[in-house]
Amino acid sequence: MINEAAAGDFHLVARGSGPPVILLHGNPDSSHLWREVIDRISHGFLCISPDLPGFGRSPVPPEFDGGLDAMAAWVERVVEHAVPGSAPVHLVSHDIGSIFGLAWAMRNPHRVSRLAVGGFPFSSDYRWHFWGRVWRTPLLGELAMLLLNRWLFFREVRAGGPKLSDDHIAATYDLLSPQTRRTILKIYRSLDPDVFADWETGLQRLLMDKPTLVMWGQKDPFIAASYAERLRADRLAVFPECGHWFPAEEPVAVAGLLAEFFSAHKG
């Protein structure tokens, strides 16, 4: 059974026992993104998946400004609540969840055992995809969110995740609250590509120091799979028939990769 609880300024899903694994979703998702993966790996790992601030059932803390330092601090509160002390955790993240997670990992490398990341930009030379540019534009972003109805949401998400089920897309849309729409705008407007410049050296050092698995959908229309190769990870897994949302498009394969990768460092 999956345990869900509100803990201060976040909503958390936890299941299983064993070495702790923090799973962070992206935009416009919630911890629901990892539901089927958690089903398959929780027999050997303690899976902890929060809704990011402003997403799913998590509120937005008053001090959260959408920047990298605020992201790192928010993840730190989650980790301290779920895995108190100094024990290292495995980190799994997707899309902006990887930006949250990597910002935290760079600030707290002693708490990180292994990394599994994918579907994200963390580079000063990246230029946002079409919708990212829309959301970063004042007034235009607000108008886009106002017009984002169920039909348009299904069309756009289906184009980015061709193997997603209708049920998964519907569940994601049902949690797309006015708060989430505002939070998306806040985060994208805080992440000008230039803000990554001061963090790029730290990211390179982190990926050299920590065993890293990078996962990507070959058909990702937002962040090309070629970006994954730039990360120079220990292992790269590309899902040829998947788009952006590979954790929900191929949960069996993703779960298998994670279990294998993390089992190399149990305990």
Protein backbone atom coordinates (compact mmCIF):
# COMPACT_ATOMS: atom_id res chain seq x y z
CA MET A 1 0.00 0.00 0.00
CA ILE A 2 1.23 3.49 -0.83
CA ASN A 3 1.30 5.85 2.13
CA GLU A 4 0.44 9.46 1.37
CA ALA A 5 0.69 12.34 3.79
CA ALA A 6 0.98 16.09 3.96
CA ALA A 7 4.12 17.09 5.85
CA GLY A 8 4.41 20.81 6.43
CA ASP A 9 4.83 22.42 3.03
CA PHE A 10 4.72 19.32 0.82
CA HIS A 11 2.67 16.24 0.01
CA LEU A 12 4.58 12.98 0.07
CA VAL A 13 4.11 9.44 -1.24
CA ALA A 14 6.18 6.74 0.45
CA ARG A 15 6.27 3.01 -0.09
CA GLY A 16 8.56 0.04 0.53
CA SER A 17 11.65 -0.60 2.59
CA GLY A 18 15.37 -0.70 1.99
CA PRO A 19 17.84 1.91 0.73
CA PRO A 20 16.00 5.23 0.29
CA VAL A 21 15.23 6.53 -3.19
CA ILE A 22 13.93 10.07 -3.74
CA LEU A 23 11.85 10.35 -6.95
CA LEU A 24 11.16 13.85 -8.28
CA HIS A 25 8.66 14.52 -11.06
CA GLY A 26 8.60 17.40 -13.54
CA ASN A 27 6.12 19.72 -15.26
CA PRO A 28 3.10 19.44 -15.30
CA ASP A 29 3.17 16.26 -13.27
CA SER A 30 2.93 15.10 -9.68
CA SER A 31 4.23 12.09 -7.81
CA HIS A 32 1.69 10.16 -9.89
CA LEU A 33 4.33 10.10 -12.66
CA TRP A 34 6.30 7.50 -10.67
CA ARG A 35 3.36 5.38 -9.51
CA GLU A 36 4.04 2.35 -11.72
CA VAL A 37 7.80 2.55 -11.22
CA ILE A 38 7.31 2.60 -7.45
CA ASP A 39 5.01 -0.43 -7.74
CA ARG A 40 7.91 -2.38 -9.23
CA ILE A 41 10.91 -1.32 -7.13
CA SER A 42 9.41 -0.77 -3.66
CA HIS A 43 10.01 -4.42 -2.71
CA GLY A 44 13.71 -3.59 -2.48
CA PHE A 45 13.84 0.16 -1.85
CA LEU A 46 12.13 2.79 0.26
CA CYS A 47 10.56 4.98 -2.44
CA ILE A 48 9.84 8.59 -1.47
CA SER A 49 8.12 10.80 -4.02
CA PRO A 50 6.93 14.31 -3.13
CA ASP A 51 4.75 16.61 -5.18
CA LEU A 52 6.97 19.57 -6.05
CA PRO A 53 5.95 22.96 -4.57
CA GLY A 54 2.78 24.16 -6.28
CA PHE A 55 2.25 20.85 -8.09
CA GLY A 56 -0.15 18.06 -7.24
CA ARG A 57 -1.18 18.44 -3.62
CA SER A 58 1.81 20.45 -2.39
CA PRO A 59 1.33 24.11 -1.49
CA VAL A 60 3.83 26.79 -2.47
CA PRO A 61 5.90 27.95 0.51
CA PRO A 62 5.83 31.76 0.84
CA GLU A 63 9.61 31.96 0.47
CA PHE A 64 9.77 29.85 -2.70
CA ASP A 65 10.83 32.13 -5.56
CA GLY A 66 11.38 29.47 -8.22
CA GLY A 67 15.17 29.88 -8.34
CA LEU A 68 17.85 27.21 -8.03
CA ASP A 69 18.71 27.99 -4.42
CA ALA A 70 15.03 27.81 -3.47
CA MET A 71 14.73 24.48 -5.29
CA ALA A 72 17.73 23.06 -3.44
CA ALA A 73 16.37 24.24 -0.09
CA TRP A 74 12.95 22.73 -0.77
CA VAL A 75 14.41 19.31 -1.64
CA GLU A 76 16.56 19.50 1.50
CA ARG A 77 13.43 19.87 3.64
CA VAL A 78 11.90 16.81 1.97
CA VAL A 79 15.03 14.70 2.45
CA GLU A 80 15.44 15.78 6.08
CA HIS A 81 11.82 14.87 6.77
CA ALA A 82 11.83 11.53 4.95
CA VAL A 83 15.40 10.38 5.69
CA PRO A 84 16.59 12.26 8.76
CA GLY A 85 20.24 12.14 9.66
CA SER A 86 23.16 11.81 7.29
CA ALA A 87 22.42 8.58 5.42
CA PRO A 88 22.92 8.92 1.64
CA VAL A 89 19.99 8.52 -0.74
CA HIS A 90 19.59 7.58 -4.37
CA LEU A 91 18.07 10.37 -6.46
CA VAL A 92 15.75 9.79 -9.43
CA SER A 93 14.41 12.81 -11.28
CA HIS A 94 12.74 13.93 -14.50
CA ASP A 95 12.23 17.25 -16.30
CA ILE A 96 12.30 20.21 -13.86
CA GLY A 97 12.48 17.65 -11.06
CA SER A 98 16.04 17.05 -12.24
CA ILE A 99 16.78 20.75 -11.91
CA PHE A 100 15.41 20.66 -8.35
CA GLY A 101 17.30 17.47 -7.57
CA LEU A 102 20.64 18.39 -9.10
CA ALA A 103 20.63 21.82 -7.44
CA TRP A 104 20.11 20.05 -4.11
CA ALA A 105 22.73 17.38 -4.89
CA MET A 106 25.35 20.01 -5.71
CA ARG A 107 24.69 21.67 -2.35
CA ASN A 108 24.60 18.34 -0.48
CA PRO A 109 26.88 15.83 -2.24
CA HIS A 110 27.43 13.92 1.01
CA ARG A 111 23.74 12.91 0.98
CA VAL A 112 23.86 11.49 -2.56
CA SER A 113 24.70 7.89 -3.36
CA ARG A 114 23.68 7.46 -7.02
CA LEU A 115 21.85 9.61 -9.57
CA ALA A 116 19.32 8.67 -12.24
CA VAL A 117 18.15 11.71 -14.21
CA GLY A 118 16.56 12.57 -17.54
CA GLY A 119 14.52 14.90 -19.72
CA PHE A 120 15.90 18.19 -18.43
CA PRO A 121 18.04 21.19 -19.42
CA PHE A 122 20.84 22.40 -17.12
CA SER A 123 22.96 24.50 -19.41
CA SER A 124 23.43 28.18 -20.14
CA ASP A 125 23.37 27.51 -23.89
CA TYR A 126 19.97 25.80 -23.83
CA ARG A 127 17.07 27.79 -25.26
CA TRP A 128 13.63 26.87 -24.00
CA HIS A 129 11.21 24.89 -26.13
CA PHE A 130 8.18 26.63 -27.65
CA TRP A 131 5.92 26.37 -24.61
CA GLY A 132 8.77 27.31 -22.30
CA ARG A 133 9.25 30.52 -24.26
CA VAL A 134 5.52 31.22 -24.13
CA TRP A 135 5.37 30.70 -20.36
CA ARG A 136 8.40 32.95 -19.86
CA THR A 137 6.65 35.83 -21.63
CA PRO A 138 4.51 38.08 -19.38
CA LEU A 139 0.82 38.23 -20.28
CA LEU A 140 1.28 35.70 -23.08
CA GLY A 141 2.06 33.02 -20.50
CA GLU A 142 -0.98 33.94 -18.43
CA LEU A 143 -3.18 33.83 -21.53
CA ALA A 144 -1.78 30.43 -22.52
CA MET A 145 -2.56 29.03 -19.06
CA LEU A 146 -6.07 30.50 -19.18
CA LEU A 147 -6.75 28.82 -22.54
CA LEU A 148 -5.22 25.45 -21.56
CA ASN A 149 -8.37 23.34 -21.44
CA ARG A 150 -8.63 19.54 -21.28
CA TRP A 151 -8.72 19.07 -25.07
CA LEU A 152 -5.61 21.19 -25.67
CA PHE A 153 -3.79 19.60 -22.75
CA PHE A 154 -4.46 16.11 -24.10
CA ARG A 155 -3.29 17.13 -27.57
CA GLU A 156 -0.02 18.66 -26.39
CA VAL A 157 0.87 15.98 -23.85
CA ARG A 158 0.02 13.21 -26.31
CA ALA A 159 2.34 14.83 -28.88
CA GLY A 160 5.13 14.85 -26.32
CA GLY A 161 4.43 11.39 -24.92
CA PRO A 162 3.06 9.14 -27.66
CA LYS A 163 2.93 6.05 -25.42
CA LEU A 164 1.11 7.67 -22.50
CA SER A 165 -2.28 6.23 -21.59
CA ASP A 166 -5.40 8.38 -21.63
CA ASP A 167 -5.88 7.59 -17.95
CA HIS A 168 -2.46 8.94 -17.09
CA ILE A 169 -3.00 12.17 -19.03
CA ALA A 170 -6.45 12.61 -17.45
CA ALA A 171 -5.03 12.12 -13.94
CA THR A 172 -2.33 14.69 -14.67
CA TYR A 173 -4.83 17.23 -15.99
CA ASP A 174 -7.11 16.76 -13.00
CA LEU A 175 -4.29 18.02 -10.76
CA LEU A 176 -3.49 21.01 -12.98
CA SER A 177 -4.89 23.55 -10.55
CA PRO A 178 -4.74 27.35 -10.82
CA GLN A 179 -1.91 27.16 -8.26
CA THR A 180 0.03 24.78 -10.51
CA ARG A 181 -0.45 27.00 -13.55
CA ARG A 182 0.90 29.99 -11.63
CA THR A 183 3.82 27.96 -10.31
CA ILE A 184 4.79 26.82 -13.81
CA LEU A 185 5.01 30.45 -14.90
CA LYS A 186 7.05 31.38 -11.81
CA ILE A 187 9.57 28.58 -12.31
CA TYR A 188 10.08 29.11 -16.02
CA ARG A 189 10.49 32.85 -15.55
CA SER A 190 13.07 32.31 -12.83
CA LEU A 191 15.16 29.95 -14.99
CA ASP A 192 16.74 32.18 -17.56
CA PRO A 193 19.42 30.04 -19.23
CA ASP A 194 22.09 32.40 -17.89
CA VAL A 195 21.32 31.37 -14.31
CA PHE A 196 22.80 27.92 -15.01
CA ALA A 197 26.23 29.36 -15.83
CA ASP A 198 27.39 29.57 -12.22
CA TRP A 199 26.25 25.98 -11.59
CA GLU A 200 27.68 24.19 -14.63
CA THR A 201 31.09 23.49 -13.10
CA GLY A 202 29.40 22.08 -10.01
CA LEU A 203 27.22 19.85 -12.16
CA GLN A 204 30.22 18.48 -14.04
CA ARG A 205 31.98 17.74 -10.77
CA LEU A 206 28.89 16.04 -9.36
CA LEU A 207 28.47 13.80 -12.39
CA MET A 208 32.15 12.86 -12.22
CA ASP A 209 31.96 12.04 -8.51
CA LYS A 210 28.63 10.18 -8.38
CA PRO A 211 27.61 7.10 -10.40
CA THR A 212 25.01 8.46 -12.81
CA LEU A 213 22.39 6.91 -15.06
CA VAL A 214 20.90 9.23 -17.68
CA MET A 215 17.57 8.22 -19.26
CA TRP A 216 15.91 9.92 -22.21
CA GLY A 217 13.10 9.46 -24.71
CA GLN A 218 14.36 9.40 -28.29
CA LYS A 219 11.23 11.22 -29.48
CA ASP A 220 11.34 13.96 -26.85
CA PRO A 221 10.17 17.10 -28.68
CA PHE A 222 11.16 19.47 -25.87
CA ILE A 223 14.76 18.55 -25.07
CA ALA A 224 16.52 16.54 -27.76
CA ALA A 225 18.01 13.18 -26.83
CA SER A 226 21.37 14.46 -28.08
CA TYR A 227 21.49 16.64 -24.97
CA ALA A 228 21.75 13.47 -22.86
CA GLU A 229 25.07 12.59 -24.47
CA ARG A 230 26.58 15.87 -23.28
CA LEU A 231 26.21 14.80 -19.66
CA ARG A 232 28.85 12.07 -20.07
CA ALA A 233 27.22 9.81 -17.52
CA ASP A 234 28.38 6.36 -16.50
CA ARG A 235 25.39 4.90 -18.29
CA LEU A 236 22.99 6.25 -20.91
CA ALA A 237 19.64 4.63 -21.68
CA VAL A 238 17.57 5.97 -24.57
CA PHE A 239 14.03 4.69 -25.10
CA PRO A 240 13.54 4.67 -28.88
CA GLU A 241 9.73 4.74 -28.95
CA CYS A 242 9.22 7.16 -26.07
CA GLY A 243 8.77 10.88 -25.95
CA HIS A 244 9.35 13.19 -23.02
CA TRP A 245 7.45 11.21 -20.36
CA PHE A 246 9.39 7.95 -20.57
CA PRO A 247 8.89 7.10 -16.83
CA ALA A 248 5.17 6.70 -17.50
CA GLU A 249 5.54 5.49 -21.08
CA GLU A 250 7.90 2.60 -20.23
CA PRO A 251 7.57 2.08 -16.46
CA VAL A 252 8.59 -1.60 -16.59
CA ALA A 253 11.84 -0.83 -18.41
CA VAL A 254 12.57 2.22 -16.26
CA ALA A 255 11.96 0.26 -13.06
CA GLY A 256 14.25 -2.52 -14.24
CA LEU A 257 17.06 -0.09 -15.02
CA LEU A 258 16.72 1.65 -11.67
CA ALA A 259 16.64 -1.58 -9.68
CA GLU A 260 19.73 -2.86 -11.46
CA PHE A 261 21.62 0.41 -11.17
CA PHE A 262 20.85 0.97 -7.50
CA SER A 263 21.36 -2.65 -6.52
CA ALA A 264 25.02 -2.17 -7.39
CA HIS A 265 25.23 -0.03 -4.25
CA LYS A 266 22.81 -1.39 -1.67
CA GLY A 267 23.19 -0.89 2.00
